[in-house]
């Protein structure tokens, strides 16, 4: 059955956010909830198998070799955090798993600096267990590698850089391992790293990532929607001092983001990440924003990461070439292209409790209405405050 073998088998931005949260908001609390976007039906007893896998995570701990990898590869992270991570243990009591018929419920609650690490590994376990328990057979290993090689041959011709972003909805650890090994063995310089820290270490490549939507969702709970992007980025810059400089743009829509992404932040951050909505429209908005700020768009980069495949990437490159820097994070099209239906699931922060504050519902308003998350009444309030119209 599905299991995890390393505490670093997680997305890099979970660790970078954990460091920042532990430094700036050590008393903040958070709650997360599983959202079954694809309406997948889970077989009887799935909750028990998932809970067993989660319980086993309590034994994971940072090894000396892993700590040394982070120390040398990520000099912008304080050694005090690495000492903390070495002593960190997953506490399964923070996670509740239940099942009613084919419906699975997963909730996470506790101090934010602790619970922040759960999301990605739980999602990867859900995916792997779903395929295992359902007896769903994938294509053979050699075909997995051939598919990746074929995609990279096409990507190489576009003269771009690509990273793996496929941990959370991968088919399995084994497939993910095959994919990274195949990408690493490519003779070109197209592949530049992975969001998965464990595989970055195993295959001697770069861990890639900055922050996720929850960073700004928490800031909205503490400071309000109008200040969430601005203060979220200010605090990020306070911690990382210019490193990890790609800003996520769509927590409360890109239009709102660019109103708060002032000249100082536009110059300080290396670029922005696109995660929802039409990528060409986003690129146009980004280019115009930099021009209004008196910044050469070609000195900045957009990281595209929203459900990409070759056709989408080719279209984006055709528009961006010669106008703005661009790179790509490929997710399930690498790690779950095995002849089976890919799962459509997320696990999102739904409430936050800042220090000395109250529990506050948090929401995400992406550039694609179907990807909004949170309570409908809170979404309506946020839209009213931010003057957003669908």
Protein backbone atom coordinates (compact mmCIF):
# COMPACT_ATOMS: atom_id res chain seq x y z
CA UNK A 1 0.00 0.00 0.00
CA UNK A 2 1.00 3.61 -0.58
CA UNK A 3 3.46 5.04 1.92
CA UNK A 4 6.02 7.82 2.21
CA UNK A 5 9.70 7.18 2.84
CA UNK A 6 11.04 10.71 3.32
CA UNK A 7 9.85 13.82 5.12
CA UNK A 8 11.14 15.77 2.10
CA UNK A 9 8.66 14.01 -0.22
CA UNK A 10 6.69 17.23 -0.38
CA UNK A 11 6.61 20.44 -2.41
CA UNK A 12 9.38 22.92 -1.71
CA UNK A 13 7.01 25.82 -1.10
CA UNK A 14 5.58 23.99 1.90
CA UNK A 15 8.94 24.20 3.62
CA UNK A 16 9.62 27.77 2.55
CA UNK A 17 6.19 28.82 3.84
CA UNK A 18 6.68 26.81 7.04
CA UNK A 19 9.92 28.68 7.70
CA UNK A 20 8.25 32.04 7.08
CA UNK A 21 5.15 31.17 9.14
CA UNK A 22 7.20 29.89 12.08
CA UNK A 23 9.26 33.08 11.99
CA UNK A 24 6.44 35.62 11.59
CA UNK A 25 3.26 33.91 12.84
CA UNK A 26 4.26 31.17 15.30
CA UNK A 27 0.96 31.31 17.22
CA UNK A 28 -1.36 31.31 14.19
CA UNK A 29 -3.68 28.34 13.70
CA UNK A 30 -5.24 26.90 10.56
CA UNK A 31 -7.83 24.43 9.33
CA UNK A 32 -7.77 22.62 5.99
CA UNK A 33 -10.38 20.60 4.15
CA UNK A 34 -10.34 18.06 1.31
CA UNK A 35 -12.31 19.11 -1.79
CA UNK A 36 -13.29 16.40 -4.26
CA UNK A 37 -13.60 18.50 -7.44
CA UNK A 38 -13.78 15.46 -9.69
CA UNK A 39 -16.57 13.83 -7.66
CA UNK A 40 -14.54 10.63 -7.40
CA UNK A 41 -16.23 7.79 -5.50
CA UNK A 42 -14.02 6.09 -2.93
CA UNK A 43 -14.36 2.35 -2.23
CA UNK A 44 -15.50 1.07 1.15
CA UNK A 45 -12.75 1.14 3.76
CA UNK A 46 -10.67 3.73 1.92
CA UNK A 47 -10.68 6.02 4.95
CA UNK A 48 -9.08 3.34 7.13
CA UNK A 49 -6.29 2.71 4.63
CA UNK A 50 -5.62 6.42 4.29
CA UNK A 51 -5.53 6.87 8.06
CA UNK A 52 -3.06 4.00 8.36
CA UNK A 53 -0.78 5.66 5.81
CA UNK A 54 -1.10 8.99 7.65
CA UNK A 55 -0.28 7.32 10.98
CA UNK A 56 2.91 5.90 9.45
CA UNK A 57 4.03 9.43 8.60
CA UNK A 58 4.65 10.02 12.31
CA UNK A 59 7.90 8.08 11.98
CA UNK A 60 9.33 10.33 9.26
CA UNK A 61 12.21 12.58 10.27
CA UNK A 62 14.83 14.71 8.59
CA UNK A 63 18.06 12.78 8.16
CA UNK A 64 21.50 14.34 8.52
CA UNK A 65 22.05 13.99 4.77
CA UNK A 66 18.73 15.71 4.03
CA UNK A 67 19.54 18.52 6.43
CA UNK A 68 22.91 19.02 4.75
CA UNK A 69 21.25 19.10 1.34
CA UNK A 70 18.91 21.88 2.46
CA UNK A 71 21.76 23.77 4.13
CA UNK A 72 23.92 23.81 1.02
CA UNK A 73 21.15 24.13 -1.60
CA UNK A 74 19.06 26.74 0.24
CA UNK A 75 21.42 29.21 1.98
CA UNK A 76 18.56 31.70 2.41
CA UNK A 77 16.92 29.42 5.00
CA UNK A 78 18.11 29.99 8.57
CA UNK A 79 19.96 27.14 10.32
CA UNK A 80 17.55 27.51 13.24
CA UNK A 81 14.73 26.39 10.94
CA UNK A 82 16.73 23.37 9.80
CA UNK A 83 17.23 22.43 13.47
CA UNK A 84 13.48 22.79 13.98
CA UNK A 85 12.72 20.64 10.93
CA UNK A 86 15.12 17.99 12.19
CA UNK A 87 13.03 17.75 15.33
CA UNK A 88 9.65 18.05 13.59
CA UNK A 89 7.35 15.02 13.53
CA UNK A 90 3.99 14.71 11.83
CA UNK A 91 1.22 14.40 14.42
CA UNK A 92 -1.61 12.25 12.97
CA UNK A 93 -3.93 13.63 15.65
CA UNK A 94 -4.02 16.83 13.59
CA UNK A 95 -5.80 14.95 10.77
CA UNK A 96 -9.35 13.56 10.82
CA UNK A 97 -10.42 11.12 8.11
CA UNK A 98 -13.98 9.79 7.72
CA UNK A 99 -16.04 8.23 4.99
CA UNK A 100 -19.76 8.04 4.24
CA UNK A 101 -20.51 5.77 1.32
CA UNK A 102 -18.23 6.86 -1.49
CA UNK A 103 -17.64 10.33 0.00
CA UNK A 104 -14.32 10.97 1.72
CA UNK A 105 -13.83 13.70 4.32
CA UNK A 106 -10.39 14.89 5.39
CA UNK A 107 -9.81 17.81 7.75
CA UNK A 108 -6.59 19.15 9.26
CA UNK A 109 -6.35 21.49 12.25
CA UNK A 110 -3.61 22.88 14.47
CA UNK A 111 -0.87 25.48 14.58
CA UNK A 112 -0.24 26.74 11.07
CA UNK A 113 3.52 26.25 11.24
CA UNK A 114 2.85 22.55 11.90
CA UNK A 115 -0.18 21.73 9.78
CA UNK A 116 1.23 23.44 6.69
CA UNK A 117 3.17 20.31 5.72
CA UNK A 118 0.19 17.93 5.52
CA UNK A 119 -1.56 19.02 2.31
CA UNK A 120 0.70 17.71 -0.45
CA UNK A 121 1.64 14.28 0.98
CA UNK A 122 -1.97 13.53 1.92
CA UNK A 123 -3.11 14.36 -1.61
CA UNK A 124 -0.42 12.15 -3.11
CA UNK A 125 -1.44 9.31 -0.76
CA UNK A 126 -5.11 9.70 -1.71
CA UNK A 127 -4.22 9.44 -5.40
CA UNK A 128 -1.93 6.46 -5.05
CA UNK A 129 -4.34 4.58 -2.76
CA UNK A 130 -7.26 5.31 -5.10
CA UNK A 131 -5.52 3.57 -7.98
CA UNK A 132 -4.23 0.73 -5.80
CA UNK A 133 -7.50 -0.09 -4.04
CA UNK A 134 -9.47 0.21 -7.26
CA UNK A 135 -7.17 -2.28 -8.96
CA UNK A 136 -6.60 0.19 -11.79
CA UNK A 137 -3.64 -0.98 -13.86
CA UNK A 138 -1.36 1.58 -15.49
CA UNK A 139 0.92 1.28 -18.48
CA UNK A 140 4.32 -0.44 -17.97
CA UNK A 141 7.38 1.44 -16.70
CA UNK A 142 9.13 1.54 -20.05
CA UNK A 143 6.09 3.18 -21.63
CA UNK A 144 5.99 5.80 -18.86
CA UNK A 145 9.59 6.68 -19.66
CA UNK A 146 8.97 6.69 -23.41
CA UNK A 147 6.06 9.11 -23.00
CA UNK A 148 8.21 11.50 -20.94
CA UNK A 149 11.06 11.26 -23.45
CA UNK A 150 8.67 11.99 -26.31
CA UNK A 151 7.31 15.06 -24.57
CA UNK A 152 10.78 16.36 -23.79
CA UNK A 153 11.91 15.95 -27.40
CA UNK A 154 9.10 18.34 -28.36
CA UNK A 155 9.73 20.73 -25.46
CA UNK A 156 13.45 20.87 -26.33
CA UNK A 157 12.60 22.37 -29.71
CA UNK A 158 10.80 25.28 -28.03
CA UNK A 159 14.04 26.42 -26.32
CA UNK A 160 12.40 26.77 -22.89
CA UNK A 161 12.95 25.64 -19.30
CA UNK A 162 10.65 23.25 -17.48
CA UNK A 163 10.30 22.02 -13.91
CA UNK A 164 8.27 19.14 -12.48
CA UNK A 165 5.32 20.33 -10.36
CA UNK A 166 3.54 16.97 -10.15
CA UNK A 167 3.73 15.74 -6.56
CA UNK A 168 0.22 16.30 -5.26
CA UNK A 169 -1.72 14.47 -7.98
CA UNK A 170 0.87 11.97 -9.14
CA UNK A 171 -0.17 8.44 -9.96
CA UNK A 172 2.29 7.01 -7.45
CA UNK A 173 5.72 7.44 -5.94
CA UNK A 174 7.10 4.87 -8.39
CA UNK A 175 5.80 6.76 -11.43
CA UNK A 176 7.09 10.07 -10.05
CA UNK A 177 10.50 8.49 -9.55
CA UNK A 178 10.51 7.19 -13.12
CA UNK A 179 9.55 10.62 -14.45
CA UNK A 180 12.26 12.54 -12.59
CA UNK A 181 14.91 9.97 -13.49
CA UNK A 182 13.92 10.22 -17.15
CA UNK A 183 13.88 14.04 -17.07
CA UNK A 184 17.27 14.15 -15.36
CA UNK A 185 18.77 11.82 -17.97
CA UNK A 186 17.74 14.06 -20.87
CA UNK A 187 20.79 15.50 -22.66
CA UNK A 188 19.21 18.95 -23.08
CA UNK A 189 19.09 21.79 -20.55
CA UNK A 190 15.29 22.08 -20.73
CA UNK A 191 14.66 20.38 -17.36
CA UNK A 192 15.81 22.64 -14.53
CA UNK A 193 14.39 21.09 -11.35
CA UNK A 194 11.41 19.83 -9.40
CA UNK A 195 9.06 21.12 -6.73
CA UNK A 196 9.60 17.83 -4.86
CA UNK A 197 12.49 18.26 -2.41
CA UNK A 198 13.09 14.52 -1.95
CA UNK A 199 13.55 13.96 -5.68
CA UNK A 200 15.59 17.14 -6.03
CA UNK A 201 18.03 15.63 -3.54
CA UNK A 202 17.90 12.09 -4.99
CA UNK A 203 18.58 13.26 -8.54
CA UNK A 204 20.86 16.17 -7.68
CA UNK A 205 18.72 18.90 -9.19
CA UNK A 206 17.18 22.13 -7.90
CA UNK A 207 14.14 22.32 -5.57
CA UNK A 208 11.78 24.91 -7.06
CA UNK A 209 8.97 26.95 -5.51
CA UNK A 210 8.15 30.01 -3.43
CA UNK A 211 4.69 30.31 -1.84
CA UNK A 212 1.13 29.09 -2.38
CA UNK A 213 -2.37 30.57 -2.15
CA UNK A 214 -2.60 29.85 1.57
CA UNK A 215 0.11 32.44 2.27
CA UNK A 216 -2.17 35.19 0.99
CA UNK A 217 -5.32 33.57 2.37
CA UNK A 218 -3.85 33.78 5.86
CA UNK A 219 -2.87 37.41 5.30
CA UNK A 220 -6.46 38.16 4.31
CA UNK A 221 -7.66 36.64 7.58
CA UNK A 222 -5.21 38.75 9.58
CA UNK A 223 -5.16 42.02 7.63
CA UNK A 224 -8.20 41.99 5.33
CA UNK A 225 -8.66 41.34 1.64
CA UNK A 226 -7.43 44.72 0.47
CA UNK A 227 -4.05 44.29 2.17
CA UNK A 228 -3.52 40.54 1.66
CA UNK A 229 -1.39 40.65 -1.49
CA UNK A 230 0.63 43.70 -0.50
CA UNK A 231 1.48 42.57 3.03
CA UNK A 232 1.90 38.95 1.94
CA UNK A 233 4.62 39.99 -0.49
CA UNK A 234 6.16 42.53 1.93
CA UNK A 235 6.46 39.84 4.60
CA UNK A 236 7.88 37.38 2.08
CA UNK A 237 10.53 39.90 1.12
CA UNK A 238 11.29 40.56 4.80
CA UNK A 239 12.06 36.86 5.30
CA UNK A 240 13.84 36.02 2.03
CA UNK A 241 15.47 39.38 1.20
CA UNK A 242 15.18 39.02 -2.57
CA UNK A 243 15.52 35.24 -2.86
CA UNK A 244 12.57 33.08 -3.95
CA UNK A 245 11.24 36.00 -5.96
CA UNK A 246 8.31 34.63 -7.96
CA UNK A 247 4.99 36.08 -6.74
CA UNK A 248 1.75 34.10 -6.99
CA UNK A 249 -0.83 36.37 -8.57
CA UNK A 250 -4.32 34.88 -8.56
CA UNK A 251 -5.43 34.34 -4.95
CA UNK A 252 -7.90 37.23 -5.30
CA UNK A 253 -7.76 37.54 -9.12
CA UNK A 254 -4.89 38.90 -11.15
CA UNK A 255 -6.61 42.24 -11.72
CA UNK A 256 -6.71 42.89 -7.96
CA UNK A 257 -3.15 41.60 -7.57
CA UNK A 258 -1.66 44.06 -10.05
CA UNK A 259 -3.37 46.97 -8.28
CA UNK A 260 -1.39 46.02 -5.15
CA UNK A 261 1.82 44.92 -6.90
CA UNK A 262 3.40 48.36 -6.71
CA UNK A 263 6.62 49.57 -8.32
CA UNK A 264 8.77 48.57 -5.37
CA UNK A 265 7.45 45.01 -5.36
CA UNK A 266 7.46 44.81 -9.16
CA UNK A 267 11.16 45.65 -9.18
CA UNK A 268 12.02 43.49 -6.18
CA UNK A 269 10.33 40.28 -7.33
CA UNK A 270 11.81 38.42 -10.30
CA UNK A 271 8.41 37.71 -11.79
CA UNK A 272 4.98 36.20 -11.25
CA UNK A 273 3.33 32.78 -11.44
CA UNK A 274 0.22 32.05 -13.49
CA UNK A 275 -2.09 29.41 -11.99
CA UNK A 276 -5.58 30.03 -13.38
CA UNK A 277 -7.48 31.69 -16.21
CA UNK A 278 -6.39 32.25 -19.79
CA UNK A 279 -2.56 32.30 -19.95
CA UNK A 280 -2.36 34.66 -22.92
CA UNK A 281 -4.67 37.17 -21.27
CA UNK A 282 -2.52 36.90 -18.15
CA UNK A 283 0.68 37.44 -20.13
CA UNK A 284 -0.82 40.54 -21.77
CA UNK A 285 -1.83 41.95 -18.38
CA UNK A 286 1.61 41.23 -16.94
CA UNK A 287 3.48 42.85 -19.80
CA UNK A 288 1.29 45.96 -19.62
CA UNK A 289 1.74 46.14 -15.85
CA UNK A 290 5.53 46.15 -16.10
CA UNK A 291 5.46 48.73 -18.88
CA UNK A 292 3.29 51.04 -16.74
CA UNK A 293 5.86 50.71 -13.97
CA UNK A 294 8.70 51.61 -16.33
CA UNK A 295 10.14 48.09 -16.16
CA UNK A 296 11.34 46.13 -19.18
CA UNK A 297 9.09 43.02 -19.30
CA UNK A 298 11.93 41.00 -20.80
CA UNK A 299 13.83 41.46 -17.52
CA UNK A 300 11.03 39.61 -15.71
CA UNK A 301 9.65 36.06 -15.87
CA UNK A 302 6.25 34.43 -15.84
CA UNK A 303 6.11 30.89 -14.46
CA UNK A 304 3.14 29.15 -16.06
CA UNK A 305 1.78 26.23 -14.02
CA UNK A 306 -1.92 25.75 -14.76
CA UNK A 307 -2.77 22.31 -16.16
CA UNK A 308 -0.13 22.46 -18.87
CA UNK A 309 0.48 20.13 -21.78
CA UNK A 310 2.54 20.56 -24.95
CA UNK A 311 -0.15 22.34 -26.98
CA UNK A 312 -0.75 24.89 -24.22
CA UNK A 313 2.97 25.45 -23.73
CA UNK A 314 3.59 25.90 -27.46
CA UNK A 315 0.82 28.49 -27.64
CA UNK A 316 2.18 30.40 -24.64
CA UNK A 317 5.74 30.39 -26.02
CA UNK A 318 4.49 31.69 -29.35
CA UNK A 319 2.96 34.71 -27.62
CA UNK A 320 5.65 35.42 -24.99
CA UNK A 321 8.76 35.01 -27.14
CA UNK A 322 10.55 38.35 -27.39
CA UNK A 323 8.08 40.04 -25.03
CA UNK A 324 8.65 38.61 -21.52
CA UNK A 325 10.65 35.84 -19.88
CA UNK A 326 8.81 32.56 -19.43
CA UNK A 327 9.26 29.17 -17.82
CA UNK A 328 6.93 26.27 -17.09
CA UNK A 329 5.90 24.00 -14.23
CA UNK A 330 4.41 20.76 -15.57
CA UNK A 331 2.30 18.75 -13.12
CA UNK A 332 0.11 15.74 -13.75
CA UNK A 333 0.90 15.69 -17.48
CA UNK A 334 4.26 14.30 -16.36
CA UNK A 335 3.41 12.37 -13.19
CA UNK A 336 -0.03 10.96 -14.02
CA UNK A 337 0.00 10.25 -17.75
CA UNK A 338 -0.25 6.49 -17.37
CA UNK A 339 -3.42 5.54 -19.22
CA UNK A 340 -5.84 6.24 -16.35
CA UNK A 341 -8.20 9.10 -15.50
CA UNK A 342 -6.34 11.75 -13.53
CA UNK A 343 -7.80 12.72 -10.20
CA UNK A 344 -9.17 16.23 -9.69
CA UNK A 345 -8.79 16.91 -5.98
CA UNK A 346 -7.49 19.69 -3.75
CA UNK A 347 -6.89 20.19 -0.04
CA UNK A 348 -7.21 23.84 0.92
CA UNK A 349 -7.02 26.06 3.97
CA UNK A 350 -10.61 26.96 4.92
CA UNK A 351 -10.13 28.84 8.21
CA UNK A 352 -7.32 30.72 9.91
CA UNK A 353 -6.88 32.10 13.42
CA UNK A 354 -4.21 34.80 13.69
CA UNK A 355 -2.60 35.39 17.07
CA UNK A 356 -5.12 37.02 19.43
CA UNK A 357 -7.70 36.90 16.63
CA UNK A 358 -10.82 34.90 15.90
CA UNK A 359 -11.31 31.96 13.59
CA UNK A 360 -11.93 33.50 10.18
CA UNK A 361 -13.14 31.80 7.02
CA UNK A 362 -10.63 32.08 4.18
CA UNK A 363 -11.34 31.86 0.46
CA UNK A 364 -9.57 31.89 -2.89
CA UNK A 365 -10.85 33.82 -5.88
CA UNK A 366 -8.92 32.53 -8.87
CA UNK A 367 -9.11 33.90 -12.40
CA UNK A 368 -11.26 30.88 -13.20
CA UNK A 369 -14.56 30.93 -11.25
CA UNK A 370 -14.69 27.12 -11.19
CA UNK A 371 -11.52 27.13 -9.08
CA UNK A 372 -12.89 29.42 -6.34
CA UNK A 373 -12.70 27.78 -2.91
CA UNK A 374 -14.41 28.68 0.33
CA UNK A 375 -17.85 29.41 1.74
CA UNK A 376 -20.18 31.10 -0.79
CA UNK A 377 -21.16 33.88 1.63
CA UNK A 378 -17.50 34.71 2.31
CA UNK A 379 -16.75 34.67 -1.43
CA UNK A 380 -19.58 37.17 -1.92
CA UNK A 381 -18.17 39.43 0.83
CA UNK A 382 -14.68 39.33 -0.70
CA UNK A 383 -16.01 40.17 -4.15
CA UNK A 384 -17.90 43.12 -2.72
CA UNK A 385 -14.89 44.43 -0.81
CA UNK A 386 -12.55 44.00 -3.79
CA UNK A 387 -15.15 45.17 -6.32
CA UNK A 388 -14.90 41.99 -8.37
CA UNK A 389 -17.56 41.13 -10.90
CA UNK A 390 -17.74 37.71 -12.59
